[in-house]
C-alpha atoms as a PDB file:
ATOM      1  CA  UNK A   1     113.010  87.946 103.560  1.00  0.00           C
ATOM      2  CA  UNK A   2     115.677  84.955 104.128  1.00  0.00           C
ATOM      3  CA  UNK A   3     118.466  87.492 104.894  1.00  0.00           C
ATOM      4  CA  UNK A   4     116.092  90.458 106.930  1.00  0.00           C
ATOM      5  CA  UNK A   5     116.634  86.922 109.413  1.00  0.00           C
ATOM      6  CA  UNK A   6     119.873  87.758 110.545  1.00  0.00           C
ATOM      7  CA  UNK A   7     119.473  92.058 110.387  1.00  0.00           C
ATOM      8  CA  UNK A   8     118.221  93.428 113.305  1.00  0.00           C
ATOM      9  CA  UNK A   9     114.889  95.975 113.658  1.00  0.00           C
ATOM     10  CA  UNK A  10     113.834  98.521 115.916  1.00  0.00           C
ATOM     11  CA  UNK A  11     111.400  97.388 118.733  1.00  0.00           C
ATOM     12  CA  UNK A  12     109.370  98.702 121.762  1.00  0.00           C
ATOM     13  CA  UNK A  13     111.020  96.375 124.311  1.00  0.00           C
ATOM     14  CA  UNK A  14     109.376  96.318 128.231  1.00  0.00           C
ATOM     15  CA  UNK A  15     111.957  95.401 130.473  1.00  0.00           C
ATOM     16  CA  UNK A  16     110.245  95.984 133.303  1.00  0.00           C
ATOM     17  CA  UNK A  17     106.785  97.609 134.767  1.00  0.00           C
ATOM     18  CA  UNK A  18     107.706 101.475 134.003  1.00  0.00           C
ATOM     19  CA  UNK A  19     110.900 100.796 131.649  1.00  0.00           C
ATOM     20  CA  UNK A  20     110.629 100.488 128.237  1.00  0.00           C
ATOM     21  CA  UNK A  21     113.014 101.836 125.519  1.00  0.00           C
ATOM     22  CA  UNK A  22     113.421 101.278 122.182  1.00  0.00           C
ATOM     23  CA  UNK A  23     115.908  99.030 120.784  1.00  0.00           C
ATOM     24  CA  UNK A  24     117.633  97.101 118.008  1.00  0.00           C
ATOM     25  CA  UNK A  25     116.432  93.526 118.100  1.00  0.00           C
ATOM     26  CA  UNK A  26     116.562  90.244 115.513  1.00  0.00           C
ATOM     27  CA  UNK A  27     113.509  90.642 113.097  1.00  0.00           C
ATOM     28  CA  UNK A  28     111.579  86.995 114.402  1.00  0.00           C
ATOM     29  CA  UNK A  29     111.823  83.356 112.791  1.00  0.00           C
ATOM     30  CA  UNK A  30     109.345  82.177 111.254  1.00  0.00           C
ATOM     31  CA  UNK A  31     107.753  78.832 111.656  1.00  0.00           C
ATOM     32  CA  UNK A  32     105.534  77.094 109.615  1.00  0.00           C
ATOM     33  CA  UNK A  33     102.257  78.790 109.278  1.00  0.00           C
ATOM     34  CA  UNK A  34     103.081  81.645 110.349  1.00  0.00           C
ATOM     35  CA  UNK A  35     103.905  85.069 108.696  1.00  0.00           C
ATOM     36  CA  UNK A  36     106.291  87.720 108.837  1.00  0.00           C
ATOM     37  CA  UNK A  37     104.285  90.940 108.482  1.00  0.00           C
ATOM     38  CA  UNK A  38     106.199  94.802 108.148  1.00  0.00           C
ATOM     39  CA  UNK A  39     103.891  96.856 110.451  1.00  0.00           C
ATOM     40  CA  UNK A  40     103.093 100.284 109.008  1.00  0.00           C
ATOM     41  CA  UNK A  41     100.798 101.421 111.717  1.00  0.00           C
ATOM     42  CA  UNK A  42     100.365 100.551 115.734  1.00  0.00           C
ATOM     43  CA  UNK A  43      97.756 101.806 117.979  1.00  0.00           C
ATOM     44  CA  UNK A  44      98.143 102.389 121.666  1.00  0.00           C
ATOM     45  CA  UNK A  45      95.142 100.811 123.964  1.00  0.00           C
ATOM     46  CA  UNK A  46      94.201 101.749 127.123  1.00  0.00           C
ATOM     47  CA  UNK A  47      95.220  98.601 128.587  1.00  0.00           C
ATOM     48  CA  UNK A  48      98.572  98.941 127.078  1.00  0.00           C
ATOM     49  CA  UNK A  49      99.355 102.178 129.324  1.00  0.00           C
ATOM     50  CA  UNK A  50      98.507  99.900 132.760  1.00  0.00           C
ATOM     51  CA  UNK A  51     100.475  97.188 131.445  1.00  0.00           C
ATOM     52  CA  UNK A  52     102.975  99.248 130.367  1.00  0.00           C
ATOM     53  CA  UNK A  53     103.651 101.201 133.379  1.00  0.00           C
ATOM     54  CA  UNK A  54     101.878  99.194 136.303  1.00  0.00           C
ATOM     55  CA  UNK A  55     101.623  95.795 135.927  1.00  0.00           C
ATOM     56  CA  UNK A  56     103.487  94.317 133.333  1.00  0.00           C
ATOM     57  CA  UNK A  57     103.434  92.005 130.890  1.00  0.00           C
ATOM     58  CA  UNK A  58     103.860  87.884 131.475  1.00  0.00           C
ATOM     59  CA  UNK A  59     107.252  87.854 130.699  1.00  0.00           C
ATOM     60  CA  UNK A  60     110.558  90.390 130.099  1.00  0.00           C
ATOM     61  CA  UNK A  61     111.490  91.590 128.000  1.00  0.00           C
ATOM     62  CA  UNK A  62     108.305  91.720 125.621  1.00  0.00           C
ATOM     63  CA  UNK A  63     107.106  93.873 122.570  1.00  0.00           C
ATOM     64  CA  UNK A  64     103.983  95.524 123.729  1.00  0.00           C
ATOM     65  CA  UNK A  65     101.110  96.366 121.288  1.00  0.00           C
ATOM     66  CA  UNK A  66      97.956  94.446 119.650  1.00  0.00           C
ATOM     67  CA  UNK A  67      96.409  96.914 118.122  1.00  0.00           C
ATOM     68  CA  UNK A  68      98.729  97.182 114.364  1.00  0.00           C
ATOM     69  CA  UNK A  69      98.203  96.650 110.838  1.00  0.00           C
ATOM     70  CA  UNK A  70     101.042  96.187 107.985  1.00  0.00           C
ATOM     71  CA  UNK A  71     102.068  94.318 105.051  1.00  0.00           C
ATOM     72  CA  UNK A  72     102.682  91.017 104.959  1.00  0.00           C
ATOM     73  CA  UNK A  73     106.752  90.126 103.509  1.00  0.00           C
ATOM     74  CA  UNK A  74     107.223  86.379 104.523  1.00  0.00           C
ATOM     75  CA  UNK A  75     105.078  83.258 104.532  1.00  0.00           C
ATOM     76  CA  UNK A  76     106.056  80.143 105.714  1.00  0.00           C
ATOM     77  CA  UNK A  77     104.832  77.020 105.283  1.00  0.00           C
ATOM     78  CA  UNK A  78     101.952  76.296 103.138  1.00  0.00           C
ATOM     79  CA  UNK A  79      99.669  79.020 102.222  1.00  0.00           C
ATOM     80  CA  UNK A  80      96.583  76.979 101.942  1.00  0.00           C
ATOM     81  CA  UNK A  81      93.024  78.398 102.045  1.00  0.00           C
ATOM     82  CA  UNK A  82      94.255  81.661 103.778  1.00  0.00           C
ATOM     83  CA  UNK A  83      95.478  83.349 100.757  1.00  0.00           C
ATOM     84  CA  UNK A  84      97.866  85.508 102.511  1.00  0.00           C
ATOM     85  CA  UNK A  85     100.869  86.272  99.917  1.00  0.00           C
ATOM     86  CA  UNK A  86     103.578  88.848 100.062  1.00  0.00           C
ATOM     87  CA  UNK A  87     102.910  92.127  99.651  1.00  0.00           C
ATOM     88  CA  UNK A  88      98.796  92.008 100.998  1.00  0.00           C
ATOM     89  CA  UNK A  89      97.730  94.657 103.251  1.00  0.00           C
ATOM     90  CA  UNK A  90      96.469  93.042 106.608  1.00  0.00           C
ATOM     91  CA  UNK A  91      95.723  93.421 110.211  1.00  0.00           C
ATOM     92  CA  UNK A  92      96.497  90.939 112.447  1.00  0.00           C
ATOM     93  CA  UNK A  93      94.327  89.053 115.394  1.00  0.00           C
ATOM     94  CA  UNK A  94      96.203  89.536 118.428  1.00  0.00           C
ATOM     95  CA  UNK A  95      94.484  86.585 120.416  1.00  0.00           C
ATOM     96  CA  UNK A  96      96.052  83.533 119.699  1.00  0.00           C
ATOM     97  CA  UNK A  97      93.181  80.176 120.573  1.00  0.00           C
ATOM     98  CA  UNK A  98      94.676  76.912 121.696  1.00  0.00           C
ATOM     99  CA  UNK A  99      92.452  75.290 118.682  1.00  0.00           C
ATOM    100  CA  UNK A 100      92.063  72.299 121.434  1.00  0.00           C
ATOM    101  CA  UNK A 101      89.687  73.638 124.449  1.00  0.00           C
ATOM    102  CA  UNK A 102      86.169  73.592 124.455  1.00  0.00           C
ATOM    103  CA  UNK A 103      85.171  76.761 123.513  1.00  0.00           C
ATOM    104  CA  UNK A 104      87.390  76.382 120.514  1.00  0.00           C
ATOM    105  CA  UNK A 105      85.673  73.857 119.453  1.00  0.00           C
ATOM    106  CA  UNK A 106      82.440  75.523 119.177  1.00  0.00           C
ATOM    107  CA  UNK A 107      84.656  78.918 117.442  1.00  0.00           C
ATOM    108  CA  UNK A 108      84.422  80.725 120.830  1.00  0.00           C
ATOM    109  CA  UNK A 109      87.798  81.736 120.828  1.00  0.00           C
ATOM    110  CA  UNK A 110      87.560  84.770 122.976  1.00  0.00           C
ATOM    111  CA  UNK A 111      87.099  82.090 125.836  1.00  0.00           C
ATOM    112  CA  UNK A 112      89.754  79.580 124.875  1.00  0.00           C
ATOM    113  CA  UNK A 113      91.122  78.477 127.883  1.00  0.00           C
ATOM    114  CA  UNK A 114      95.085  78.511 127.226  1.00  0.00           C
ATOM    115  CA  UNK A 115      95.036  81.014 124.797  1.00  0.00           C
ATOM    116  CA  UNK A 116      98.303  83.190 123.554  1.00  0.00           C
ATOM    117  CA  UNK A 117      98.213  86.840 123.247  1.00  0.00           C
ATOM    118  CA  UNK A 118     100.202  89.510 120.817  1.00  0.00           C
ATOM    119  CA  UNK A 119     101.691  92.149 122.902  1.00  0.00           C
ATOM    120  CA  UNK A 120     101.442  90.649 126.388  1.00  0.00           C
ATOM    121  CA  UNK A 121     102.159  87.079 126.001  1.00  0.00           C
ATOM    122  CA  UNK A 122     104.234  87.229 123.164  1.00  0.00           C
ATOM    123  CA  UNK A 123     105.747  90.128 120.981  1.00  0.00           C
ATOM    124  CA  UNK A 124     103.569  92.413 119.515  1.00  0.00           C
ATOM    125  CA  UNK A 125     103.298  95.017 116.935  1.00  0.00           C
ATOM    126  CA  UNK A 126     105.293  98.036 118.511  1.00  0.00           C
ATOM    127  CA  UNK A 127     108.458  97.036 115.912  1.00  0.00           C
ATOM    128  CA  UNK A 128     109.278  97.248 112.594  1.00  0.00           C
ATOM    129  CA  UNK A 129     108.054  93.474 111.978  1.00  0.00           C
ATOM    130  CA  UNK A 130     106.199  91.083 114.156  1.00  0.00           C
ATOM    131  CA  UNK A 131     105.270  87.580 113.068  1.00  0.00           C
ATOM    132  CA  UNK A 132     101.582  85.906 113.561  1.00  0.00           C
ATOM    133  CA  UNK A 133      99.768  82.996 112.528  1.00  0.00           C
ATOM    134  CA  UNK A 134      98.852  82.975 108.899  1.00  0.00           C
ATOM    135  CA  UNK A 135      94.980  82.200 110.625  1.00  0.00           C
ATOM    136  CA  UNK A 136      94.825  85.244 112.204  1.00  0.00           C
ATOM    137  CA  UNK A 137      95.675  87.848 109.423  1.00  0.00           C
ATOM    138  CA  UNK A 138      92.582  89.736 107.988  1.00  0.00           C
ATOM    139  CA  UNK A 139      93.029  91.447 104.142  1.00  0.00           C
ATOM    140  CA  UNK A 140      92.558  95.426 104.526  1.00  0.00           C
ATOM    141  CA  UNK A 141      89.728  96.246 101.948  1.00  0.00           C
ATOM    142  CA  UNK A 142      90.636  98.667  99.263  1.00  0.00           C
ATOM    143  CA  UNK A 143      90.040 102.268 100.279  1.00  0.00           C
ATOM    144  CA  UNK A 144      91.464 101.750 103.876  1.00  0.00           C
ATOM    145  CA  UNK A 145      94.270 103.017 105.411  1.00  0.00           C
ATOM    146  CA  UNK A 146      97.419 101.730 107.411  1.00  0.00           C
ATOM    147  CA  UNK A 147      96.264 103.937 110.488  1.00  0.00           C
ATOM    148  CA  UNK A 148      92.318 103.103 110.240  1.00  0.00           C
ATOM    149  CA  UNK A 149      92.892  98.962 110.166  1.00  0.00           C
ATOM    150  CA  UNK A 150      94.903  99.509 112.914  1.00  0.00           C
ATOM    151  CA  UNK A 151      91.905 100.412 115.001  1.00  0.00           C
ATOM    152  CA  UNK A 152      90.126  97.268 113.697  1.00  0.00           C
ATOM    153  CA  UNK A 153      90.464  95.318 116.995  1.00  0.00           C
ATOM    154  CA  UNK A 154      89.021  98.118 119.470  1.00  0.00           C
ATOM    155  CA  UNK A 155      86.481  98.964 116.687  1.00  0.00           C
ATOM    156  CA  UNK A 156      85.746  95.207 116.579  1.00  0.00           C
ATOM    157  CA  UNK A 157      86.013  95.080 120.321  1.00  0.00           C
ATOM    158  CA  UNK A 158      83.451  97.981 120.425  1.00  0.00           C
ATOM    159  CA  UNK A 159      81.223  96.211 117.911  1.00  0.00           C
ATOM    160  CA  UNK A 160      81.427  93.194 120.241  1.00  0.00           C
ATOM    161  CA  UNK A 161      79.815  94.475 123.384  1.00  0.00           C
ATOM    162  CA  UNK A 162      77.063  96.102 121.736  1.00  0.00           C
ATOM    163  CA  UNK A 163      75.935  92.513 120.275  1.00  0.00           C
ATOM    164  CA  UNK A 164      76.414  91.088 123.758  1.00  0.00           C
ATOM    165  CA  UNK A 165      73.728  93.657 124.851  1.00  0.00           C
ATOM    166  CA  UNK A 166      71.486  92.223 122.364  1.00  0.00           C
ATOM    167  CA  UNK A 167      72.485  94.506 119.599  1.00  0.00           C
ATOM    168  CA  UNK A 168      70.689  97.570 118.482  1.00  0.00           C
ATOM    169  CA  UNK A 169      67.067  97.953 117.493  1.00  0.00           C
ATOM    170  CA  UNK A 170      65.705 100.837 115.809  1.00  0.00           C
ATOM    171  CA  UNK A 171      64.506 103.352 118.083  1.00  0.00           C
ATOM    172  CA  UNK A 172      66.887 102.466 120.976  1.00  0.00           C
ATOM    173  CA  UNK A 173      68.479 105.246 123.167  1.00  0.00           C
ATOM    174  CA  UNK A 174      71.916 104.842 123.999  1.00  0.00           C
ATOM    175  CA  UNK A 175      74.417 105.916 126.318  1.00  0.00           C
ATOM    176  CA  UNK A 176      78.008 106.198 126.243  1.00  0.00           C
ATOM    177  CA  UNK A 177      79.930 106.716 129.745  1.00  0.00           C
ATOM    178  CA  UNK A 178      83.270 107.909 128.925  1.00  0.00           C
ATOM    179  CA  UNK A 179      84.168 109.335 125.358  1.00  0.00           C
ATOM    180  CA  UNK A 180      87.486 107.763 124.866  1.00  0.00           C
ATOM    181  CA  UNK A 181      88.700 106.340 122.408  1.00  0.00           C
ATOM    182  CA  UNK A 182      86.465 103.042 122.778  1.00  0.00           C
ATOM    183  CA  UNK A 183      83.543 105.090 123.419  1.00  0.00           C
ATOM    184  CA  UNK A 184      83.462 107.229 120.628  1.00  0.00           C
ATOM    185  CA  UNK A 185      83.692 104.152 118.863  1.00  0.00           C
ATOM    186  CA  UNK A 186      80.762 102.377 120.202  1.00  0.00           C
ATOM    187  CA  UNK A 187      78.912 106.268 119.778  1.00  0.00           C
ATOM    188  CA  UNK A 188      79.910 105.732 116.124  1.00  0.00           C
ATOM    189  CA  UNK A 189      78.585 102.002 116.270  1.00  0.00           C
ATOM    190  CA  UNK A 190      75.325 102.532 117.611  1.00  0.00           C
ATOM    191  CA  UNK A 191      74.321 105.203 115.351  1.00  0.00           C
ATOM    192  CA  UNK A 192      75.050 103.217 112.124  1.00  0.00           C
ATOM    193  CA  UNK A 193      73.361 100.437 113.596  1.00  0.00           C
ATOM    194  CA  UNK A 194      70.379 102.471 113.856  1.00  0.00           C
ATOM    195  CA  UNK A 195      70.105 104.122 117.163  1.00  0.00           C
ATOM    196  CA  UNK A 196      67.502 107.089 117.455  1.00  0.00           C
ATOM    197  CA  UNK A 197      69.579 108.966 120.046  1.00  0.00           C
ATOM    198  CA  UNK A 198      73.163 108.609 121.118  1.00  0.00           C
ATOM    199  CA  UNK A 199      74.575 110.212 124.127  1.00  0.00           C
ATOM    200  CA  UNK A 200      77.799 110.666 124.982  1.00  0.00           C
ATOM    201  CA  UNK A 201      79.184 111.840 128.840  1.00  0.00           C
ATOM    202  CA  UNK A 202      82.858 113.005 130.113  1.00  0.00           C
ATOM    203  CA  UNK A 203      84.374 115.521 132.163  1.00  0.00           C
ATOM    204  CA  UNK A 204      87.123 116.104 129.355  1.00  0.00           C
ATOM    205  CA  UNK A 205      85.804 119.125 127.441  1.00  0.00           C
ATOM    206  CA  UNK A 206      87.986 118.435 124.277  1.00  0.00           C
ATOM    207  CA  UNK A 207      86.770 114.657 123.776  1.00  0.00           C
ATOM    208  CA  UNK A 208      83.165 116.216 123.665  1.00  0.00           C
ATOM    209  CA  UNK A 209      84.287 118.484 121.375  1.00  0.00           C
ATOM    210  CA  UNK A 210      85.815 115.494 119.269  1.00  0.00           C
ATOM    211  CA  UNK A 211      82.161 114.237 119.348  1.00  0.00           C
ATOM    212  CA  UNK A 212      80.520 116.694 117.760  1.00  0.00           C
ATOM    213  CA  UNK A 213      83.269 117.313 115.566  1.00  0.00           C
ATOM    214  CA  UNK A 214      82.064 113.552 114.547  1.00  0.00           C
ATOM    215  CA  UNK A 215      78.669 114.972 114.070  1.00  0.00           C
ATOM    216  CA  UNK A 216      77.074 113.553 117.350  1.00  0.00           C
ATOM    217  CA  UNK A 217      74.702 116.308 118.453  1.00  0.00           C
ATOM    218  CA  UNK A 218      76.263 119.171 120.943  1.00  0.00           C
ATOM    219  CA  UNK A 219      72.935 119.005 123.236  1.00  0.00           C
ATOM    220  CA  UNK A 220      73.819 114.704 123.910  1.00  0.00           C
ATOM    221  CA  UNK A 221      77.683 116.133 124.617  1.00  0.00           C
ATOM    222  CA  UNK A 222      77.406 115.603 128.247  1.00  0.00           C
ATOM    223  CA  UNK A 223      80.165 117.562 130.221  1.00  0.00           C
ATOM    224  CA  UNK A 224      79.948 115.666 133.764  1.00  0.00           C
ATOM    225  CA  UNK A 225      81.953 117.905 135.090  1.00  0.00           C
ATOM    226  CA  UNK A 226      79.440 121.092 134.943  1.00  0.00           C
ATOM    227  CA  UNK A 227      76.001 118.733 134.835  1.00  0.00           C
ATOM    228  CA  UNK A 228      74.570 115.753 136.750  1.00  0.00           C
ATOM    229  CA  UNK A 229      74.371 113.107 133.978  1.00  0.00           C
ATOM    230  CA  UNK A 230      71.943 111.105 135.411  1.00  0.00           C
ATOM    231  CA  UNK A 231      69.985 114.459 135.469  1.00  0.00           C
ATOM    232  CA  UNK A 232      70.488 115.614 132.089  1.00  0.00           C
ATOM    233  CA  UNK A 233      69.762 111.651 130.124  1.00  0.00           C
ATOM    234  CA  UNK A 234      66.823 111.812 132.426  1.00  0.00           C
ATOM    235  CA  UNK A 235      65.660 115.408 131.563  1.00  0.00           C
ATOM    236  CA  UNK A 236      66.669 114.342 127.840  1.00  0.00           C
ATOM    237  CA  UNK A 237      64.325 111.203 127.744  1.00  0.00           C
ATOM    238  CA  UNK A 238      61.426 112.287 129.507  1.00  0.00           C
ATOM    239  CA  UNK A 239      62.428 110.698 133.035  1.00  0.00           C
ATOM    240  CA  UNK A 240      62.353 107.316 131.351  1.00  0.00           C
ATOM    241  CA  UNK A 241      66.224 106.807 131.397  1.00  0.00           C
ATOM    242  CA  UNK A 242      67.796 105.055 127.919  1.00  0.00           C
ATOM    243  CA  UNK A 243      67.506 101.389 126.606  1.00  0.00           C
ATOM    244  CA  UNK A 244      70.678 100.906 126.564  1.00  0.00           C
ATOM    245  CA  UNK A 245      73.814 102.125 128.403  1.00  0.00           C
ATOM    246  CA  UNK A 246      77.553 101.582 127.891  1.00  0.00           C
ATOM    247  CA  UNK A 247      80.063 102.063 130.827  1.00  0.00           C
ATOM    248  CA  UNK A 248      83.237 102.658 128.779  1.00  0.00           C
ATOM    249  CA  UNK A 249      85.161 104.536 131.521  1.00  0.00           C
ATOM    250  CA  UNK A 250      86.473 102.117 133.906  1.00  0.00           C
ATOM    251  CA  UNK A 251      85.222 104.211 137.099  1.00  0.00           C
ATOM    252  CA  UNK A 252      82.845 103.352 139.731  1.00  0.00           C
ATOM    253  CA  UNK A 253      80.790 106.127 139.710  1.00  0.00           C
ATOM    254  CA  UNK A 254      79.969 105.579 135.920  1.00  0.00           C
ATOM    255  CA  UNK A 255      78.969 101.912 137.076  1.00  0.00           C
ATOM    256  CA  UNK A 256      76.619 103.663 139.245  1.00  0.00           C
ATOM    257  CA  UNK A 257      75.641 106.048 137.316  1.00  0.00           C
ATOM    258  CA  UNK A 258      74.708 103.264 134.107  1.00  0.00           C
ATOM    259  CA  UNK A 259      72.422 101.998 137.103  1.00  0.00           C
ATOM    260  CA  UNK A 260      70.304 105.082 137.519  1.00  0.00           C
ATOM    261  CA  UNK A 261      70.352 106.173 133.950  1.00  0.00           C
ATOM    262  CA  UNK A 262      69.186 103.057 132.371  1.00  0.00           C
ATOM    263  CA  UNK A 263      65.047 102.595 131.826  1.00  0.00           C
ATOM    264  CA  UNK A 264      62.733 100.255 132.577  1.00  0.00           C
ATOM    265  CA  UNK A 265      63.385  96.677 130.994  1.00  0.00           C
ATOM    266  CA  UNK A 266      66.684  98.261 129.747  1.00  0.00           C
ATOM    267  CA  UNK A 267      70.522  97.240 129.603  1.00  0.00           C
ATOM    268  CA  UNK A 268      73.501  97.842 130.645  1.00  0.00           C
ATOM    269  CA  UNK A 269      76.836  96.937 129.027  1.00  0.00           C
ATOM    270  CA  UNK A 270      80.086  96.974 131.247  1.00  0.00           C
ATOM    271  CA  UNK A 271      82.995  97.662 128.728  1.00  0.00           C
ATOM    272  CA  UNK A 272      85.104  99.682 130.726  1.00  0.00           C
ATOM    273  CA  UNK A 273      87.790  97.791 132.479  1.00  0.00           C
ATOM    274  CA  UNK A 274      87.762  99.049 136.539  1.00  0.00           C
ATOM    275  CA  UNK A 275      90.468  99.367 138.280  1.00  0.00           C
ATOM    276  CA  UNK A 276      89.370  99.832 141.796  1.00  0.00           C
ATOM    277  CA  UNK A 277      86.269  97.837 143.736  1.00  0.00           C
ATOM    278  CA  UNK A 278      82.949  98.893 143.162  1.00  0.00           C
ATOM    279  CA  UNK A 279      80.621  98.950 146.261  1.00  0.00           C
ATOM    280  CA  UNK A 280      76.758  99.209 145.267  1.00  0.00           C
ATOM    281  CA  UNK A 281      74.424 100.672 147.294  1.00  0.00           C
ATOM    282  CA  UNK A 282      71.561  98.819 148.267  1.00  0.00           C
ATOM    283  CA  UNK A 283      69.119 101.524 146.545  1.00  0.00           C
ATOM    284  CA  UNK A 284      70.822 101.081 143.546  1.00  0.00           C
ATOM    285  CA  UNK A 285      70.897  96.789 142.993  1.00  0.00           C
ATOM    286  CA  UNK A 286      67.147  97.351 144.278  1.00  0.00           C
ATOM    287  CA  UNK A 287      66.855  99.470 140.812  1.00  0.00           C
ATOM    288  CA  UNK A 288      68.229  96.405 138.954  1.00  0.00           C
ATOM    289  CA  UNK A 289      65.803  94.014 140.350  1.00  0.00           C
ATOM    290  CA  UNK A 290      62.591  96.871 140.040  1.00  0.00           C
ATOM    291  CA  UNK A 291      63.607  97.876 136.798  1.00  0.00           C
ATOM    292  CA  UNK A 292      64.409  94.242 135.412  1.00  0.00           C
ATOM    293  CA  UNK A 293      67.886  95.329 134.316  1.00  0.00           C
ATOM    294  CA  UNK A 294      69.943  93.408 132.520  1.00  0.00           C
ATOM    295  CA  UNK A 295      73.816  93.776 132.746  1.00  0.00           C
ATOM    296  CA  UNK A 296      76.493  92.205 130.045  1.00  0.00           C
ATOM    297  CA  UNK A 297      80.013  91.880 130.330  1.00  0.00           C
ATOM    298  CA  UNK A 298      82.136  91.555 126.842  1.00  0.00           C
ATOM    299  CA  UNK A 299      85.662  90.909 126.304  1.00  0.00           C
ATOM    300  CA  UNK A 300      87.353  91.043 123.235  1.00  0.00           C
ATOM    301  CA  UNK A 301      85.297  90.021 120.078  1.00  0.00           C
ATOM    302  CA  UNK A 302      84.638  87.136 117.529  1.00  0.00           C
ATOM    303  CA  UNK A 303      86.516  86.251 114.471  1.00  0.00           C
ATOM    304  CA  UNK A 304      84.400  82.970 113.743  1.00  0.00           C
ATOM    305  CA  UNK A 305      83.738  82.358 110.461  1.00  0.00           C
ATOM    306  CA  UNK A 306      80.112  82.334 110.762  1.00  0.00           C
ATOM    307  CA  UNK A 307      77.626  83.766 111.914  1.00  0.00           C
ATOM    308  CA  UNK A 308      79.627  87.420 111.867  1.00  0.00           C
ATOM    309  CA  UNK A 309      83.240  87.585 111.791  1.00  0.00           C
ATOM    310  CA  UNK A 310      83.248  91.147 113.697  1.00  0.00           C
ATOM    311  CA  UNK A 311      86.683  92.083 111.904  1.00  0.00           C
ATOM    312  CA  UNK A 312      85.664  91.501 108.514  1.00  0.00           C
ATOM    313  CA  UNK A 313      82.299  93.169 109.082  1.00  0.00           C
ATOM    314  CA  UNK A 314      84.401  95.907 111.056  1.00  0.00           C
ATOM    315  CA  UNK A 315      86.180  97.017 108.170  1.00  0.00           C
ATOM    316  CA  UNK A 316      83.521  96.691 105.678  1.00  0.00           C
ATOM    317  CA  UNK A 317      82.239  99.853 107.766  1.00  0.00           C
ATOM    318  CA  UNK A 318      85.503 101.634 107.964  1.00  0.00           C
ATOM    319  CA  UNK A 319      85.622 100.787 103.695  1.00  0.00           C
ATOM    320  CA  UNK A 320      81.480 102.641 103.520  1.00  0.00           C
ATOM    321  CA  UNK A 321      83.252 105.249 105.972  1.00  0.00           C
ATOM    322  CA  UNK A 322      80.300 104.819 108.426  1.00  0.00           C
ATOM    323  CA  UNK A 323      83.259 103.783 111.258  1.00  0.00           C
ATOM    324  CA  UNK A 324      85.970 106.631 111.095  1.00  0.00           C
ATOM    325  CA  UNK A 325      88.599 106.764 112.894  1.00  0.00           C
ATOM    326  CA  UNK A 326      91.449 109.203 111.785  1.00  0.00           C
ATOM    327  CA  UNK A 327      89.575 111.802 113.800  1.00  0.00           C
ATOM    328  CA  UNK A 328      90.314 110.409 116.685  1.00  0.00           C
ATOM    329  CA  UNK A 329      94.679 110.623 116.079  1.00  0.00           C
ATOM    330  CA  UNK A 330      95.968 112.970 118.509  1.00  0.00           C
ATOM    331  CA  UNK A 331      99.760 111.921 118.406  1.00  0.00           C
ATOM    332  CA  UNK A 332     101.658 110.026 116.026  1.00  0.00           C
ATOM    333  CA  UNK A 333     105.234 108.940 117.575  1.00  0.00           C
ATOM    334  CA  UNK A 334     107.640 107.162 116.239  1.00  0.00           C
ATOM    335  CA  UNK A 335     109.473 103.735 118.436  1.00  0.00           C
ATOM    336  CA  UNK A 336     112.284 105.686 119.632  1.00  0.00           C
ATOM    337  CA  UNK A 337     109.973 108.247 121.141  1.00  0.00           C
ATOM    338  CA  UNK A 338     108.312 105.157 123.090  1.00  0.00           C
ATOM    339  CA  UNK A 339     109.383 106.204 126.651  1.00  0.00           C
ATOM    340  CA  UNK A 340     108.226 109.920 126.179  1.00  0.00           C
ATOM    341  CA  UNK A 341     104.912 108.680 124.955  1.00  0.00           C
ATOM    342  CA  UNK A 342     104.311 106.420 127.432  1.00  0.00           C
ATOM    343  CA  UNK A 343     105.217 108.899 129.960  1.00  0.00           C
ATOM    344  CA  UNK A 344     103.291 111.767 128.428  1.00  0.00           C
ATOM    345  CA  UNK A 345     100.097 109.264 128.325  1.00  0.00           C
ATOM    346  CA  UNK A 346     100.223 107.835 132.135  1.00  0.00           C
ATOM    347  CA  UNK A 347     100.869 110.479 133.400  1.00  0.00           C
ATOM    348  CA  UNK A 348      98.127 112.607 131.674  1.00  0.00           C
ATOM    349  CA  UNK A 349     100.779 115.446 130.370  1.00  0.00           C
ATOM    350  CA  UNK A 350      98.510 116.526 127.535  1.00  0.00           C
ATOM    351  CA  UNK A 351      95.065 115.707 126.515  1.00  0.00           C
ATOM    352  CA  UNK A 352      94.998 112.610 124.292  1.00  0.00           C
ATOM    353  CA  UNK A 353      92.783 110.029 122.307  1.00  0.00           C
ATOM    354  CA  UNK A 354      94.441 107.689 119.867  1.00  0.00           C
ATOM    355  CA  UNK A 355      97.900 107.255 120.097  1.00  0.00           C
ATOM    356  CA  UNK A 356      99.994 105.613 117.397  1.00  0.00           C
ATOM    357  CA  UNK A 357     103.298 104.226 116.529  1.00  0.00           C
ATOM    358  CA  UNK A 358     104.545 104.565 113.197  1.00  0.00           C
ATOM    359  CA  UNK A 359     107.812 102.452 112.783  1.00  0.00           C
ATOM    360  CA  UNK A 360     109.629 104.056 110.196  1.00  0.00           C
END
């Protein structure tokens, strides 16, 4: 790959909010402890849409993208105990912890005080090649394709959220508000981990249809455009509400609904990132107190070796067919079509679910 360092690659380059285009840029140069990965598939996160079209990244120009998988083509420095070599299939953890702060010292990398992040603070995966620290690479098990592996990040985020909310116990009932990609991943995890009933709520019929194709019961896929979801959940639970509500839409109305759907002693997981202020009426706050609800916030995922590496666990469940990603993919684009793709997603010109860029 030494010659490749002088060659160019195609990449989706963000120059300003709303200004992204495919360009030829230099292939990244490596420092010791880094690997060069040829990107095989890169998924678009909901946060990418807003970052590319509205808020921008931390500097310009930047190559976005933090959900991707690929093949190692070069390693710089000592490989050491990581065991990553050219030809290996890997997923890449986008969060690069500082390794110095108090949280890093105990392995709480998601709480790092001074982290770097592929795709927003430094160049990411919407490119033919990306460089990353060797320690951020995880091998893809046999039987897991690149597109499935590229969704390890959101699937691990979904798992982390459920673990934050005291996990899933056999017999739990779970309501997921928002049947987008992250919501359906949460629902799959809840089912795989032993939930007795899983309900999905959305206003987009196509998303609920997809959930049903993934074998979620039609009567548990609730169209909030046609029925009051709060009443629907109460009707299906004998008025008790559910053990756990996962707010995965980032909409004020769904956050309020989550507090009403949760049963006594229940939990509410805030997973969706709200785009506007949420004002809670006194009655809802009183309900939190009287029902003794527990509210959990969550961000990112855990990839410490012990007690659980959520990325490795996610890939294990993917390999066993318990977490399915391919049915979620609605669109595949080349890097040359990046501007068209983000315009479609931001303006919702089509119904979409998981959107992928396939370099090359």
